[in-house]
Amino acid sequence: MLELRPNCENCNCDLPAASADALICSFECTFCRACAESELALRCPNCGGELVRRPTRPAEKLERFPASSKRVHRA
């Protein structure tokens, strides 16, 4: 199950579970669309993988399977 991290690892902006601006790689590294497109050329700086739109989890499933609250931020 996807972790649905709550923030961009690059700029640390909030990315709620329903955000259409969250992009992830196959290791679930998470970035906002602005950073992914302008600074990262849609490539994960951690693994080099492609960054794609993170799927959203239906609201009724978030109750039982909540998004992560652990923030990951590259320094």
Foldseek 3Di string as FASTA:
>chain_A
DAQQAQAAQEPGDGAALQRQQWWAFPVRRIHGVVCCVPPVVQADPVPRGGIDGDDHDDPVVCVVVNHDDDHHYDD
